[in-house]
Amino acid sequence: MKIHVKHGDNELTFASWAEFQAMWKHKMIAPDDLVRRGDASARWTRAADLPELRNMASANKEDDRRLFFITLALMALALIGALLVRAYFRHH
């Protein structure tokens, strides 16, 4: 099914939902862009209002939060390691 995206006066057509989702993930489609599914539909919907994209956004936020805490933990471990190495070489 084709997906049509309208941004201002410009309109893009994607051959599949997967192609459209890839462009959404790469932020090539703005939340305020209008989306129409298929050629038969006349109904335009804001991209941010599509349930499938809202679910993707919340999953991405969870991944970003998890990545932040992993990075924070690794930085703390690196700092502790550096302090231990420094203390070791001070006494030897």
Protein backbone atom coordinates (compact mmCIF):
# COMPACT_ATOMS: atom_id res chain seq x y z
CA MET A 1 0.00 0.00 0.00
CA LYS A 2 1.32 3.43 -0.91
CA ILE A 3 1.75 6.06 1.79
CA HIS A 4 1.43 9.73 0.82
CA VAL A 5 3.05 12.43 2.94
CA LYS A 6 2.27 16.11 2.57
CA HIS A 7 4.66 18.76 3.90
CA GLY A 8 3.46 22.25 3.03
CA ASP A 9 2.87 22.31 -0.73
CA ASN A 10 5.08 19.26 -1.36
CA GLU A 11 3.90 15.67 -1.43
CA LEU A 12 5.98 12.49 -1.22
CA THR A 13 4.80 8.97 -1.98
CA PHE A 14 6.33 5.92 -0.34
CA ALA A 15 5.86 2.49 -1.88
CA SER A 16 5.35 0.73 1.44
CA TRP A 17 4.70 1.23 5.14
CA ALA A 18 8.20 -0.10 5.92
CA GLU A 19 9.78 2.57 3.71
CA PHE A 20 7.65 5.24 5.41
CA GLN A 21 8.65 3.98 8.89
CA ALA A 22 12.33 4.07 7.93
CA MET A 23 12.00 7.71 6.91
CA TRP A 24 10.16 8.46 10.18
CA LYS A 25 12.97 6.83 12.19
CA HIS A 26 15.53 8.99 10.36
CA LYS A 27 13.39 12.07 11.11
CA MET A 28 12.80 12.78 7.43
CA ILE A 29 9.09 13.07 8.24
CA ALA A 30 8.00 15.69 10.78
CA PRO A 31 5.30 15.01 13.39
CA ASP A 32 3.13 17.73 11.79
CA ASP A 33 3.37 16.29 8.26
CA LEU A 34 0.08 14.96 6.90
CA VAL A 35 -0.18 11.27 5.98
CA ARG A 36 -2.68 9.50 3.74
CA ARG A 37 -2.75 5.71 3.33
CA GLY A 38 -3.38 4.36 -0.14
CA ASP A 39 -4.77 6.04 -3.21
CA ALA A 40 -8.43 5.45 -2.37
CA SER A 41 -8.40 7.36 0.93
CA ALA A 42 -9.06 11.10 1.00
CA ARG A 43 -8.37 11.39 4.75
CA TRP A 44 -5.15 13.10 5.87
CA THR A 45 -3.81 12.50 9.40
CA ARG A 46 -0.92 14.15 11.24
CA ALA A 47 2.03 11.74 11.36
CA ALA A 48 2.30 12.17 15.15
CA ASP A 49 -1.32 11.03 15.51
CA LEU A 50 -0.75 7.65 13.84
CA PRO A 51 -0.89 4.98 16.58
CA GLU A 52 1.90 2.92 14.99
CA LEU A 53 4.29 5.88 15.09
CA ARG A 54 3.33 6.82 18.65
CA ASN A 55 4.23 3.29 19.78
CA MET A 56 7.58 3.57 17.99
CA ALA A 57 8.28 6.91 19.68
CA SER A 58 7.60 5.58 23.17
CA ALA A 59 9.82 2.53 22.49
CA ASN A 60 12.59 4.85 21.28
CA LYS A 61 12.29 6.95 24.45
CA GLU A 62 12.67 3.82 26.59
CA ASP A 63 15.73 2.78 24.57
CA ASP A 64 17.23 6.27 24.92
CA ARG A 65 16.66 6.24 28.68
CA ARG A 66 18.22 2.78 29.02
CA LEU A 67 21.22 3.84 26.92
CA PHE A 68 21.67 6.96 29.09
CA PHE A 69 21.83 4.94 32.31
CA ILE A 70 24.18 2.34 30.80
CA THR A 71 26.49 5.15 29.67
CA LEU A 72 26.29 6.78 33.09
CA ALA A 73 27.16 3.49 34.83
CA LEU A 74 30.11 2.87 32.50
CA MET A 75 31.42 6.38 33.12
CA ALA A 76 31.17 5.84 36.89
CA LEU A 77 33.05 2.52 36.58
CA ALA A 78 35.73 4.19 34.46
CA LEU A 79 36.13 6.94 37.07
CA ILE A 80 36.41 4.41 39.90
CA GLY A 81 38.94 2.43 37.86
CA ALA A 82 41.01 5.54 37.17
CA LEU A 83 41.00 6.47 40.87
CA LEU A 84 42.08 2.96 41.86
CA VAL A 85 44.91 2.96 39.32
CA ARG A 86 46.01 6.39 40.51
CA ALA A 87 45.96 5.27 44.15
CA TYR A 88 47.90 2.12 43.29
CA PHE A 89 50.68 4.00 41.50
CA ARG A 90 50.93 6.60 44.27
CA HIS A 91 51.81 3.90 46.79
CA HIS A 92 54.28 2.03 44.58
